[in-house]
Amino acid sequence: MSHSQQDEAHLGNDPDPEPGFTWFYSLAGTIMVVVSVFAVAAYFFAEQTAEFDRKVVDQPSLDVANLRASQERLLGEYGIYTVAQPDGAEVKKIRMPIARAFEVMIAESKQPPASTGPHK
């Protein structure tokens, strides 16, 4: 027997694969790959958005943080400041800690109102 006759005999003995199984496995594998790609892409973009929000969006502005800290510091200390009136006059005001201001307001509210004179 020659070499080509052996190859033909060998090829003739092997059965062809079933086309149904071939199509099924090809289709199932393709679907699994596509679903995996979409799942990984969705996970990636969700994590990317969460990281962006955590690092950029949720971070307070440094200017706003400094302003808030200075305002909170002013709430706890005494001071004098001026306010411009609509007529151009400047009026000096006293700033006091907010806790002390509440105490003063409560004490003033407990006092009877001052009479302005005899009632008719």
PDB file of N, CA and C in Angstrom:
ATOM      1  N   MET A   1       0.824  -1.155   0.000  1.00  0.00           N
ATOM      2  CA  MET A   1       0.000   0.000   0.000  1.00  0.00           C
ATOM      3  C   MET A   1       0.881   1.235   0.000  1.00  0.00           C
ATOM      4  N   SER A   2       0.531   2.144  -0.796  1.00  0.00           N
ATOM      5  CA  SER A   2       1.327   3.367  -0.865  1.00  0.00           C
ATOM      6  C   SER A   2       0.905   4.316   0.240  1.00  0.00           C
ATOM      7  N   HIS A   3       1.665   5.337   0.397  1.00  0.00           N
ATOM      8  CA  HIS A   3       1.419   6.319   1.450  1.00  0.00           C
ATOM      9  C   HIS A   3       0.093   7.030   1.230  1.00  0.00           C
ATOM     10  N   SER A   4      -0.257   7.406   0.028  1.00  0.00           N
ATOM     11  CA  SER A   4      -1.505   8.110  -0.261  1.00  0.00           C
ATOM     12  C   SER A   4      -2.697   7.185  -0.039  1.00  0.00           C
ATOM     13  N   GLN A   5      -2.547   5.899  -0.302  1.00  0.00           N
ATOM     14  CA  GLN A   5      -3.652   4.968  -0.048  1.00  0.00           C
ATOM     15  C   GLN A   5      -3.888   4.818   1.459  1.00  0.00           C
ATOM     16  N   GLN A   6      -2.832   4.863   2.256  1.00  0.00           N
ATOM     17  CA  GLN A   6      -3.012   4.779   3.704  1.00  0.00           C
ATOM     18  C   GLN A   6      -3.741   6.017   4.220  1.00  0.00           C
ATOM     19  N   ASP A   7      -3.406   7.175   3.692  1.00  0.00           N
ATOM     20  CA  ASP A   7      -4.069   8.407   4.126  1.00  0.00           C
ATOM     21  C   ASP A   7      -5.544   8.362   3.765  1.00  0.00           C
ATOM     22  N   GLU A   8      -5.864   7.862   2.560  1.00  0.00           N
ATOM     23  CA  GLU A   8      -7.264   7.793   2.149  1.00  0.00           C
ATOM     24  C   GLU A   8      -8.019   6.794   3.010  1.00  0.00           C
ATOM     25  N   ALA A   9      -7.396   5.698   3.358  1.00  0.00           N
ATOM     26  CA  ALA A   9      -8.051   4.699   4.186  1.00  0.00           C
ATOM     27  C   ALA A   9      -8.256   5.251   5.596  1.00  0.00           C
ATOM     28  N   HIS A  10      -7.288   5.956   6.076  1.00  0.00           N
ATOM     29  CA  HIS A  10      -7.394   6.533   7.415  1.00  0.00           C
ATOM     30  C   HIS A  10      -8.490   7.595   7.450  1.00  0.00           C
ATOM     31  N   LEU A  11      -8.552   8.455   6.430  1.00  0.00           N
ATOM     32  CA  LEU A  11      -9.576   9.485   6.384  1.00  0.00           C
ATOM     33  C   LEU A  11     -10.965   8.879   6.232  1.00  0.00           C
ATOM     34  N   GLY A  12     -11.101   7.827   5.553  1.00  0.00           N
ATOM     35  CA  GLY A  12     -12.392   7.195   5.335  1.00  0.00           C
ATOM     36  C   GLY A  12     -12.941   6.560   6.591  1.00  0.00           C
ATOM     37  N   ASN A  13     -12.113   6.169   7.529  1.00  0.00           N
ATOM     38  CA  ASN A  13     -12.575   5.510   8.744  1.00  0.00           C
ATOM     39  C   ASN A  13     -13.071   6.488   9.811  1.00  0.00           C
ATOM     40  N   ASP A  14     -12.631   7.756   9.777  1.00  0.00           N
ATOM     41  CA  ASP A  14     -13.051   8.727  10.781  1.00  0.00           C
ATOM     42  C   ASP A  14     -14.421   9.296  10.421  1.00  0.00           C
ATOM     43  N   PRO A  15     -15.315   9.249  11.376  1.00  0.00           N
ATOM     44  CA  PRO A  15     -16.627   9.825  11.088  1.00  0.00           C
ATOM     45  C   PRO A  15     -16.556  11.352  11.175  1.00  0.00           C
ATOM     46  N   ASP A  16     -17.360  12.010  10.404  1.00  0.00           N
ATOM     47  CA  ASP A  16     -17.444  13.471  10.457  1.00  0.00           C
ATOM     48  C   ASP A  16     -18.168  13.880  11.740  1.00  0.00           C
ATOM     49  N   PRO A  17     -17.794  15.020  12.308  1.00  0.00           N
ATOM     50  CA  PRO A  17     -18.507  15.473  13.500  1.00  0.00           C
ATOM     51  C   PRO A  17     -19.942  15.855  13.148  1.00  0.00           C
ATOM     52  N   GLU A  18     -20.811  15.713  14.122  1.00  0.00           N
ATOM     53  CA  GLU A  18     -22.208  16.058  13.908  1.00  0.00           C
ATOM     54  C   GLU A  18     -22.331  17.570  13.746  1.00  0.00           C
ATOM     55  N   PRO A  19     -23.009  18.044  12.731  1.00  0.00           N
ATOM     56  CA  PRO A  19     -23.117  19.493  12.535  1.00  0.00           C
ATOM     57  C   PRO A  19     -23.930  20.177  13.642  1.00  0.00           C
ATOM     58  N   GLY A  20     -24.893  19.483  14.214  1.00  0.00           N
ATOM     59  CA  GLY A  20     -25.697  20.095  15.276  1.00  0.00           C
ATOM     60  C   GLY A  20     -24.866  20.440  16.495  1.00  0.00           C
ATOM     61  N   PHE A  21     -23.998  19.497  16.932  1.00  0.00           N
ATOM     62  CA  PHE A  21     -23.144  19.758  18.080  1.00  0.00           C
ATOM     63  C   PHE A  21     -22.132  20.858  17.769  1.00  0.00           C
ATOM     64  N   THR A  22     -21.599  20.862  16.574  1.00  0.00           N
ATOM     65  CA  THR A  22     -20.630  21.885  16.187  1.00  0.00           C
ATOM     66  C   THR A  22     -21.273  23.268  16.245  1.00  0.00           C
ATOM     67  N   TRP A  23     -22.464  23.390  15.683  1.00  0.00           N
ATOM     68  CA  TRP A  23     -23.169  24.679  15.713  1.00  0.00           C
ATOM     69  C   TRP A  23     -23.541  25.075  17.147  1.00  0.00           C
ATOM     70  N   PHE A  24     -23.979  24.109  17.926  1.00  0.00           N
ATOM     71  CA  PHE A  24     -24.371  24.404  19.308  1.00  0.00           C
ATOM     72  C   PHE A  24     -23.183  24.919  20.110  1.00  0.00           C
ATOM     73  N   TYR A  25     -22.063  24.209  20.056  1.00  0.00           N
ATOM     74  CA  TYR A  25     -20.888  24.635  20.819  1.00  0.00           C
ATOM     75  C   TYR A  25     -20.330  25.960  20.307  1.00  0.00           C
ATOM     76  N   SER A  26     -20.372  26.173  19.011  1.00  0.00           N
ATOM     77  CA  SER A  26     -19.900  27.445  18.456  1.00  0.00           C
ATOM     78  C   SER A  26     -20.781  28.598  18.917  1.00  0.00           C
ATOM     79  N   LEU A  27     -22.084  28.391  18.836  1.00  0.00           N
ATOM     80  CA  LEU A  27     -23.017  29.435  19.249  1.00  0.00           C
ATOM     81  C   LEU A  27     -22.937  29.679  20.758  1.00  0.00           C
ATOM     82  N   ALA A  28     -22.887  28.629  21.553  1.00  0.00           N
ATOM     83  CA  ALA A  28     -22.791  28.779  23.005  1.00  0.00           C
ATOM     84  C   ALA A  28     -21.491  29.472  23.395  1.00  0.00           C
ATOM     85  N   GLY A  29     -20.399  29.114  22.767  1.00  0.00           N
ATOM     86  CA  GLY A  29     -19.117  29.750  23.056  1.00  0.00           C
ATOM     87  C   GLY A  29     -19.118  31.218  22.676  1.00  0.00           C
ATOM     88  N   THR A  30     -19.708  31.537  21.532  1.00  0.00           N
ATOM     89  CA  THR A  30     -19.794  32.928  21.098  1.00  0.00           C
ATOM     90  C   THR A  30     -20.635  33.742  22.074  1.00  0.00           C
ATOM     91  N   ILE A  31     -21.765  33.200  22.497  1.00  0.00           N
ATOM     92  CA  ILE A  31     -22.628  33.902  23.442  1.00  0.00           C
ATOM     93  C   ILE A  31     -21.899  34.115  24.768  1.00  0.00           C
ATOM     94  N   MET A  32     -21.190  33.111  25.243  1.00  0.00           N
ATOM     95  CA  MET A  32     -20.459  33.244  26.506  1.00  0.00           C
ATOM     96  C   MET A  32     -19.380  34.319  26.413  1.00  0.00           C
ATOM     97  N   VAL A  33     -18.685  34.383  25.280  1.00  0.00           N
ATOM     98  CA  VAL A  33     -17.647  35.398  25.097  1.00  0.00           C
ATOM     99  C   VAL A  33     -18.266  36.797  25.063  1.00  0.00           C
ATOM    100  N   VAL A  34     -19.366  36.952  24.326  1.00  0.00           N
ATOM    101  CA  VAL A  34     -20.015  38.259  24.227  1.00  0.00           C
ATOM    102  C   VAL A  34     -20.545  38.704  25.596  1.00  0.00           C
ATOM    103  N   VAL A  35     -21.191  37.795  26.326  1.00  0.00           N
ATOM    104  CA  VAL A  35     -21.706  38.131  27.652  1.00  0.00           C
ATOM    105  C   VAL A  35     -20.556  38.479  28.589  1.00  0.00           C
ATOM    106  N   SER A  36     -19.466  37.742  28.507  1.00  0.00           N
ATOM    107  CA  SER A  36     -18.300  38.039  29.355  1.00  0.00           C
ATOM    108  C   SER A  36     -17.728  39.411  29.041  1.00  0.00           C
ATOM    109  N   VAL A  37     -17.640  39.756  27.779  1.00  0.00           N
ATOM    110  CA  VAL A  37     -17.111  41.065  27.388  1.00  0.00           C
ATOM    111  C   VAL A  37     -18.016  42.175  27.912  1.00  0.00           C
ATOM    112  N   PHE A  38     -19.332  42.019  27.755  1.00  0.00           N
ATOM    113  CA  PHE A  38     -20.257  43.039  28.264  1.00  0.00           C
ATOM    114  C   PHE A  38     -20.206  43.141  29.789  1.00  0.00           C
ATOM    115  N   ALA A  39     -20.087  42.014  30.467  1.00  0.00           N
ATOM    116  CA  ALA A  39     -20.020  42.034  31.932  1.00  0.00           C
ATOM    117  C   ALA A  39     -18.755  42.736  32.407  1.00  0.00           C
ATOM    118  N   VAL A  40     -17.635  42.434  31.789  1.00  0.00           N
ATOM    119  CA  VAL A  40     -16.374  43.080  32.178  1.00  0.00           C
ATOM    120  C   VAL A  40     -16.429  44.573  31.856  1.00  0.00           C
ATOM    121  N   ALA A  41     -17.001  44.942  30.711  1.00  0.00           N
ATOM    122  CA  ALA A  41     -17.111  46.358  30.349  1.00  0.00           C
ATOM    123  C   ALA A  41     -18.023  47.093  31.330  1.00  0.00           C
ATOM    124  N   ALA A  42     -19.145  46.492  31.689  1.00  0.00           N
ATOM    125  CA  ALA A  42     -20.063  47.123  32.642  1.00  0.00           C
ATOM    126  C   ALA A  42     -19.394  47.283  33.995  1.00  0.00           C
ATOM    127  N   TYR A  43     -18.700  46.275  34.458  1.00  0.00           N
ATOM    128  CA  TYR A  43     -17.999  46.352  35.736  1.00  0.00           C
ATOM    129  C   TYR A  43     -16.920  47.434  35.691  1.00  0.00           C
ATOM    130  N   PHE A  44     -16.174  47.488  34.601  1.00  0.00           N
ATOM    131  CA  PHE A  44     -15.108  48.481  34.461  1.00  0.00           C
ATOM    132  C   PHE A  44     -15.673  49.895  34.515  1.00  0.00           C
ATOM    133  N   PHE A  45     -16.728  50.165  33.733  1.00  0.00           N
ATOM    134  CA  PHE A  45     -17.273  51.511  33.689  1.00  0.00           C
ATOM    135  C   PHE A  45     -17.964  51.884  35.004  1.00  0.00           C
ATOM    136  N   ALA A  46     -18.555  50.924  35.695  1.00  0.00           N
ATOM    137  CA  ALA A  46     -19.144  51.208  37.012  1.00  0.00           C
ATOM    138  C   ALA A  46     -18.047  51.575  38.006  1.00  0.00           C
ATOM    139  N   GLU A  47     -16.952  50.837  38.003  1.00  0.00           N
ATOM    140  CA  GLU A  47     -15.843  51.139  38.901  1.00  0.00           C
ATOM    141  C   GLU A  47     -15.178  52.459  38.532  1.00  0.00           C
ATOM    142  N   GLN A  48     -15.058  52.726  37.231  1.00  0.00           N
ATOM    143  CA  GLN A  48     -14.447  53.976  36.784  1.00  0.00           C
ATOM    144  C   GLN A  48     -15.297  55.167  37.233  1.00  0.00           C
ATOM    145  N   THR A  49     -16.618  55.058  37.108  1.00  0.00           N
ATOM    146  CA  THR A  49     -17.515  56.127  37.538  1.00  0.00           C
ATOM    147  C   THR A  49     -17.450  56.300  39.055  1.00  0.00           C
ATOM    148  N   ALA A  50     -17.431  55.199  39.785  1.00  0.00           N
ATOM    149  CA  ALA A  50     -17.359  55.276  41.247  1.00  0.00           C
ATOM    150  C   ALA A  50     -16.040  55.915  41.685  1.00  0.00           C
ATOM    151  N   GLU A  51     -14.949  55.560  41.037  1.00  0.00           N
ATOM    152  CA  GLU A  51     -13.661  56.135  41.392  1.00  0.00           C
ATOM    153  C   GLU A  51     -13.619  57.624  41.061  1.00  0.00           C
ATOM    154  N   PHE A  52     -14.175  58.007  39.914  1.00  0.00           N
ATOM    155  CA  PHE A  52     -14.229  59.416  39.530  1.00  0.00           C
ATOM    156  C   PHE A  52     -15.051  60.209  40.547  1.00  0.00           C
ATOM    157  N   ASP A  53     -16.208  59.665  40.934  1.00  0.00           N
ATOM    158  CA  ASP A  53     -17.037  60.334  41.934  1.00  0.00           C
ATOM    159  C   ASP A  53     -16.299  60.471  43.257  1.00  0.00           C
ATOM    160  N   ARG A  54     -15.606  59.417  43.658  1.00  0.00           N
ATOM    161  CA  ARG A  54     -14.890  59.420  44.930  1.00  0.00           C
ATOM    162  C   ARG A  54     -13.728  60.411  44.909  1.00  0.00           C
ATOM    163  N   LYS A  55     -13.011  60.505  43.793  1.00  0.00           N
ATOM    164  CA  LYS A  55     -11.813  61.330  43.740  1.00  0.00           C
ATOM    165  C   LYS A  55     -12.069  62.769  43.300  1.00  0.00           C
ATOM    166  N   VAL A  56     -13.129  63.002  42.514  1.00  0.00           N
ATOM    167  CA  VAL A  56     -13.344  64.331  41.956  1.00  0.00           C
ATOM    168  C   VAL A  56     -14.634  64.963  42.470  1.00  0.00           C
ATOM    169  N   VAL A  57     -15.743  64.276  42.288  1.00  0.00           N
ATOM    170  CA  VAL A  57     -17.039  64.866  42.583  1.00  0.00           C
ATOM    171  C   VAL A  57     -17.264  65.021  44.076  1.00  0.00           C
ATOM    172  N   ASP A  58     -16.944  64.014  44.866  1.00  0.00           N
ATOM    173  CA  ASP A  58     -17.225  64.034  46.291  1.00  0.00           C
ATOM    174  C   ASP A  58     -16.207  64.841  47.091  1.00  0.00           C
ATOM    175  N   GLN A  59     -15.132  65.305  46.485  1.00  0.00           N
ATOM    176  CA  GLN A  59     -14.127  66.075  47.200  1.00  0.00           C
ATOM    177  C   GLN A  59     -14.572  67.535  47.278  1.00  0.00           C
ATOM    178  N   PRO A  60     -14.650  68.076  48.477  1.00  0.00           N
ATOM    179  CA  PRO A  60     -15.038  69.487  48.573  1.00  0.00           C
ATOM    180  C   PRO A  60     -13.922  70.371  48.039  1.00  0.00           C
ATOM    181  N   SER A  61     -14.316  71.466  47.483  1.00  0.00           N
ATOM    182  CA  SER A  61     -13.343  72.421  46.972  1.00  0.00           C
ATOM    183  C   SER A  61     -12.512  72.956  48.133  1.00  0.00           C
ATOM    184  N   LEU A  62     -11.246  73.136  47.914  1.00  0.00           N
ATOM    185  CA  LEU A  62     -10.359  73.624  48.963  1.00  0.00           C
ATOM    186  C   LEU A  62     -10.761  75.031  49.389  1.00  0.00           C
ATOM    187  N   ASP A  63     -11.176  75.866  48.439  1.00  0.00           N
ATOM    188  CA  ASP A  63     -11.605  77.220  48.774  1.00  0.00           C
ATOM    189  C   ASP A  63     -12.841  77.193  49.665  1.00  0.00           C
ATOM    190  N   VAL A  64     -13.791  76.342  49.332  1.00  0.00           N
ATOM    191  CA  VAL A  64     -15.008  76.238  50.133  1.00  0.00           C
ATOM    192  C   VAL A  64     -14.686  75.698  51.519  1.00  0.00           C
ATOM    193  N   ALA A  65     -13.807  74.723  51.600  1.00  0.00           N
ATOM    194  CA  ALA A  65     -13.420  74.165  52.898  1.00  0.00           C
ATOM    195  C   ALA A  65     -12.730  75.221  53.757  1.00  0.00           C
ATOM    196  N   ASN A  66     -11.852  76.019  53.160  1.00  0.00           N
ATOM    197  CA  ASN A  66     -11.174  77.084  53.909  1.00  0.00           C
ATOM    198  C   ASN A  66     -12.166  78.154  54.356  1.00  0.00           C
ATOM    199  N   LEU A  67     -13.098  78.511  53.481  1.00  0.00           N
ATOM    200  CA  LEU A  67     -14.116  79.500  53.836  1.00  0.00           C
ATOM    201  C   LEU A  67     -14.972  79.003  54.992  1.00  0.00           C
ATOM    202  N   ARG A  68     -15.392  77.762  54.914  1.00  0.00           N
ATOM    203  CA  ARG A  68     -16.228  77.193  55.974  1.00  0.00           C
ATOM    204  C   ARG A  68     -15.465  77.149  57.304  1.00  0.00           C
ATOM    205  N   ALA A  69     -14.189  76.782  57.263  1.00  0.00           N
ATOM    206  CA  ALA A  69     -13.387  76.745  58.492  1.00  0.00           C
ATOM    207  C   ALA A  69     -13.246  78.133  59.089  1.00  0.00           C
ATOM    208  N   SER A  70     -13.023  79.152  58.252  1.00  0.00           N
ATOM    209  CA  SER A  70     -12.891  80.510  58.786  1.00  0.00           C
ATOM    210  C   SER A  70     -14.219  81.012  59.333  1.00  0.00           C
ATOM    211  N   GLN A  71     -15.336  80.659  58.705  1.00  0.00           N
ATOM    212  CA  GLN A  71     -16.644  81.062  59.214  1.00  0.00           C
ATOM    213  C   GLN A  71     -16.939  80.378  60.547  1.00  0.00           C
ATOM    214  N   GLU A  72     -16.611  79.109  60.674  1.00  0.00           N
ATOM    215  CA  GLU A  72     -16.832  78.404  61.934  1.00  0.00           C
ATOM    216  C   GLU A  72     -15.931  78.947  63.035  1.00  0.00           C
ATOM    217  N   ARG A  73     -14.724  79.370  62.679  1.00  0.00           N
ATOM    218  CA  ARG A  73     -13.828  79.978  63.653  1.00  0.00           C
ATOM    219  C   ARG A  73     -14.417  81.300  64.140  1.00  0.00           C
ATOM    220  N   LEU A  74     -14.995  82.093  63.225  1.00  0.00           N
ATOM    221  CA  LEU A  74     -15.589  83.370  63.611  1.00  0.00           C
ATOM    222  C   LEU A  74     -16.799  83.198  64.525  1.00  0.00           C
ATOM    223  N   LEU A  75     -17.492  82.060  64.417  1.00  0.00           N
ATOM    224  CA  LEU A  75     -18.646  81.828  65.283  1.00  0.00           C
ATOM    225  C   LEU A  75     -18.248  81.662  66.739  1.00  0.00           C
ATOM    226  N   GLY A  76     -17.008  81.387  67.011  1.00  0.00           N
ATOM    227  CA  GLY A  76     -16.572  81.112  68.368  1.00  0.00           C
ATOM    228  C   GLY A  76     -15.733  82.199  68.999  1.00  0.00           C
ATOM    229  N   GLU A  77     -15.639  83.390  68.387  1.00  0.00           N
ATOM    230  CA  GLU A  77     -14.790  84.422  68.966  1.00  0.00           C
ATOM    231  C   GLU A  77     -15.475  85.789  68.908  1.00  0.00           C
ATOM    232  N   TYR A  78     -15.041  86.675  69.794  1.00  0.00           N
ATOM    233  CA  TYR A  78     -15.541  88.050  69.823  1.00  0.00           C
ATOM    234  C   TYR A  78     -14.822  88.883  68.775  1.00  0.00           C
ATOM    235  N   GLY A  79     -15.480  89.957  68.327  1.00  0.00           N
ATOM    236  CA  GLY A  79     -14.852  90.852  67.374  1.00  0.00           C
ATOM    237  C   GLY A  79     -15.767  92.022  67.056  1.00  0.00           C
ATOM    238  N   ILE A  80     -15.220  93.023  66.378  1.00  0.00           N
ATOM    239  CA  ILE A  80     -15.978  94.196  65.943  1.00  0.00           C
ATOM    240  C   ILE A  80     -15.824  94.294  64.434  1.00  0.00           C
ATOM    241  N   TYR A  81     -16.930  94.590  63.769  1.00  0.00           N
ATOM    242  CA  TYR A  81     -16.904  94.752  62.321  1.00  0.00           C
ATOM    243  C   TYR A  81     -17.849  95.880  61.952  1.00  0.00           C
ATOM    244  N   THR A  82     -17.700  96.401  60.759  1.00  0.00           N
ATOM    245  CA  THR A  82     -18.547  97.504  60.308  1.00  0.00           C
ATOM    246  C   THR A  82     -19.454  97.029  59.190  1.00  0.00           C
ATOM    247  N   VAL A  83     -20.648  97.621  59.165  1.00  0.00           N
ATOM    248  CA  VAL A  83     -21.634  97.311  58.141  1.00  0.00           C
ATOM    249  C   VAL A  83     -22.021  98.617  57.462  1.00  0.00           C
ATOM    250  N   ALA A  84     -22.018  98.631  56.146  1.00  0.00           N
ATOM    251  CA  ALA A  84     -22.413  99.825  55.404  1.00  0.00           C
ATOM    252  C   ALA A  84     -23.935  99.844  55.276  1.00  0.00           C
ATOM    253  N   GLN A  85     -24.517 100.964  55.666  1.00  0.00           N
ATOM    254  CA  GLN A  85     -25.960 101.148  55.569  1.00  0.00           C
ATOM    255  C   GLN A  85     -26.313 101.629  54.161  1.00  0.00           C
ATOM    256  N   PRO A  86     -27.581 101.505  53.772  1.00  0.00           N
ATOM    257  CA  PRO A  86     -27.975 101.970  52.433  1.00  0.00           C
ATOM    258  C   PRO A  86     -27.719 103.466  52.213  1.00  0.00           C
ATOM    259  N   ASP A  87     -27.753 104.267  53.275  1.00  0.00           N
ATOM    260  CA  ASP A  87     -27.519 105.706  53.109  1.00  0.00           C
ATOM    261  C   ASP A  87     -26.027 106.041  53.086  1.00  0.00           C
ATOM    262  N   GLY A  88     -25.168 105.053  53.176  1.00  0.00           N
ATOM    263  CA  GLY A  88     -23.732 105.262  53.093  1.00  0.00           C
ATOM    264  C   GLY A  88     -23.043 105.317  54.436  1.00  0.00           C
ATOM    265  N   ALA A  89     -23.804 105.395  55.508  1.00  0.00           N
ATOM    266  CA  ALA A  89     -23.210 105.445  56.841  1.00  0.00           C
ATOM    267  C   ALA A  89     -22.709 104.056  57.227  1.00  0.00           C
ATOM    268  N   GLU A  90     -21.627 104.055  57.991  1.00  0.00           N
ATOM    269  CA  GLU A  90     -21.088 102.782  58.456  1.00  0.00           C
ATOM    270  C   GLU A  90     -21.416 102.621  59.932  1.00  0.00           C
ATOM    271  N   VAL A  91     -21.911 101.453  60.301  1.00  0.00           N
ATOM    272  CA  VAL A  91     -22.294 101.166  61.678  1.00  0.00           C
ATOM    273  C   VAL A  91     -21.400 100.039  62.182  1.00  0.00           C
ATOM    274  N   LYS A  92     -20.869 100.242  63.393  1.00  0.00           N
ATOM    275  CA  LYS A  92     -20.025  99.201  63.992  1.00  0.00           C
ATOM    276  C   LYS A  92     -20.926  98.196  64.697  1.00  0.00           C
ATOM    277  N   LYS A  93     -20.630  96.928  64.498  1.00  0.00           N
ATOM    278  CA  LYS A  93     -21.363  95.829  65.124  1.00  0.00           C
ATOM    279  C   LYS A  93     -20.380  94.999  65.937  1.00  0.00           C
ATOM    280  N   ILE A  94     -20.916  94.323  66.952  1.00  0.00           N
ATOM    281  CA  ILE A  94     -20.092  93.453  67.790  1.00  0.00           C
ATOM    282  C   ILE A  94     -20.449  92.007  67.471  1.00  0.00           C
ATOM    283  N   ARG A  95     -19.408  91.222  67.283  1.00  0.00           N
ATOM    284  CA  ARG A  95     -19.590  89.801  67.028  1.00  0.00           C
ATOM    285  C   ARG A  95     -19.227  89.056  68.310  1.00  0.00           C
ATOM    286  N   MET A  96     -20.090  88.090  68.695  1.00  0.00           N
ATOM    287  CA  MET A  96     -19.809  87.292  69.891  1.00  0.00           C
ATOM    288  C   MET A  96     -20.025  85.823  69.551  1.00  0.00           C
ATOM    289  N   PRO A  97     -19.473  84.933  70.367  1.00  0.00           N
ATOM    290  CA  PRO A  97     -19.678  83.508  70.108  1.00  0.00           C
ATOM    291  C   PRO A  97     -21.173  83.172  70.109  1.00  0.00           C
ATOM    292  N   ILE A  98     -21.554  82.274  69.252  1.00  0.00           N
ATOM    293  CA  ILE A  98     -22.962  81.968  69.078  1.00  0.00           C
ATOM    294  C   ILE A  98     -23.594  81.409  70.345  1.00  0.00           C
ATOM    295  N   ALA A  99     -22.850  80.640  71.120  1.00  0.00           N
ATOM    296  CA  ALA A  99     -23.391  80.103  72.370  1.00  0.00           C
ATOM    297  C   ALA A  99     -23.714  81.244  73.332  1.00  0.00           C
ATOM    298  N   ARG A 100     -22.833  82.225  73.405  1.00  0.00           N
ATOM    299  CA  ARG A 100     -23.073  83.388  74.276  1.00  0.00           C
ATOM    300  C   ARG A 100     -24.249  84.211  73.754  1.00  0.00           C
ATOM    301  N   ALA A 101     -24.392  84.330  72.458  1.00  0.00           N
ATOM    302  CA  ALA A 101     -25.519  85.073  71.880  1.00  0.00           C
ATOM    303  C   ALA A 101     -26.836  84.415  72.249  1.00  0.00           C
ATOM    304  N   PHE A 102     -26.889  83.094  72.253  1.00  0.00           N
ATOM    305  CA  PHE A 102     -28.115  82.408  72.666  1.00  0.00           C
ATOM    306  C   PHE A 102     -28.414  82.684  74.136  1.00  0.00           C
ATOM    307  N   GLU A 103     -27.389  82.667  74.969  1.00  0.00           N
ATOM    308  CA  GLU A 103     -27.589  82.950  76.391  1.00  0.00           C
ATOM    309  C   GLU A 103     -28.152  84.351  76.590  1.00  0.00           C
ATOM    310  N   VAL A 104     -27.605  85.331  75.872  1.00  0.00           N
ATOM    311  CA  VAL A 104     -28.080  86.710  75.983  1.00  0.00           C
ATOM    312  C   VAL A 104     -29.529  86.814  75.511  1.00  0.00           C
ATOM    313  N   MET A 105     -29.858  86.161  74.401  1.00  0.00           N
ATOM    314  CA  MET A 105     -31.233  86.207  73.878  1.00  0.00           C
ATOM    315  C   MET A 105     -32.210  85.580  74.861  1.00  0.00           C
ATOM    316  N   ILE A 106     -31.841  84.484  75.480  1.00  0.00           N
ATOM    317  CA  ILE A 106     -32.731  83.825  76.454  1.00  0.00           C
ATOM    318  C   ILE A 106     -32.905  84.717  77.674  1.00  0.00           C
ATOM    319  N   ALA A 107     -31.823  85.317  78.153  1.00  0.00           N
ATOM    320  CA  ALA A 107     -31.911  86.207  79.319  1.00  0.00           C
ATOM    321  C   ALA A 107     -32.782  87.416  79.009  1.00  0.00           C
ATOM    322  N   GLU A 108     -32.649  87.988  77.819  1.00  0.00           N
ATOM    323  CA  GLU A 108     -33.467  89.141  77.442  1.00  0.00           C
ATOM    324  C   GLU A 108     -34.933  88.762  77.278  1.00  0.00           C
ATOM    325  N   SER A 109     -35.197  87.567  76.816  1.00  0.00           N
ATOM    326  CA  SER A 109     -36.596  87.173  76.618  1.00  0.00           C
ATOM    327  C   SER A 109     -37.304  86.916  77.944  1.00  0.00           C
ATOM    328  N   LYS A 110     -36.553  86.632  79.001  1.00  0.00           N
ATOM    329  CA  LYS A 110     -37.151  86.378  80.315  1.00  0.00           C
ATOM    330  C   LYS A 110     -37.450  87.678  81.065  1.00  0.00           C
ATOM    331  N   GLN A 111     -36.818  88.775  80.656  1.00  0.00           N
ATOM    332  CA  GLN A 111     -37.060  90.053  81.324  1.00  0.00           C
ATOM    333  C   GLN A 111     -38.384  90.639  80.837  1.00  0.00           C
ATOM    334  N   PRO A 112     -39.112  91.333  81.741  1.00  0.00           N
ATOM    335  CA  PRO A 112     -40.362  91.972  81.294  1.00  0.00           C
ATOM    336  C   PRO A 112     -40.025  93.135  80.353  1.00  0.00           C
ATOM    337  N   PRO A 113     -40.918  93.406  79.426  1.00  0.00           N
ATOM    338  CA  PRO A 113     -40.643  94.509  78.496  1.00  0.00           C
ATOM    339  C   PRO A 113     -40.583  95.842  79.229  1.00  0.00           C
ATOM    340  N   ALA A 114     -39.722  96.719  78.793  1.00  0.00           N
ATOM    341  CA  ALA A 114     -39.589  98.037  79.411  1.00  0.00           C
ATOM    342  C   ALA A 114     -40.765  98.895  79.010  1.00  0.00           C
ATOM    343  N   SER A 115     -41.335  99.610  79.971  1.00  0.00           N
ATOM    344  CA  SER A 115     -42.491 100.449  79.648  1.00  0.00           C
ATOM    345  C   SER A 115     -42.013 101.725  78.979  1.00  0.00           C
ATOM    346  N   THR A 116     -42.775 102.196  78.079  1.00  0.00           N
ATOM    347  CA  THR A 116     -42.408 103.397  77.330  1.00  0.00           C
ATOM    348  C   THR A 116     -43.139 104.627  77.868  1.00  0.00           C
ATOM    349  N   GLY A 117     -43.914 104.451  78.884  1.00  0.00           N
ATOM    350  CA  GLY A 117     -44.629 105.591  79.450  1.00  0.00           C
ATOM    351  C   GLY A 117     -46.034 105.173  79.836  1.00  0.00           C
ATOM    352  N   PRO A 118     -46.799 106.110  80.386  1.00  0.00           N
ATOM    353  CA  PRO A 118     -48.152 105.766  80.775  1.00  0.00           C
ATOM    354  C   PRO A 118     -49.047 105.516  79.560  1.00  0.00           C
ATOM    355  N   HIS A 119     -49.908 104.553  79.698  1.00  0.00           N
ATOM    356  CA  HIS A 119     -50.847 104.242  78.625  1.00  0.00           C
ATOM    357  C   HIS A 119     -52.120 105.038  78.838  1.00  0.00           C
ATOM    358  N   LYS A 120     -52.728 105.474  77.809  1.00  0.00           N
ATOM    359  CA  LYS A 120     -53.970 106.222  77.904  1.00  0.00           C
ATOM    360  C   LYS A 120     -55.137 105.372  77.565  1.00  0.00           C
TER     361      LYS A 120
END
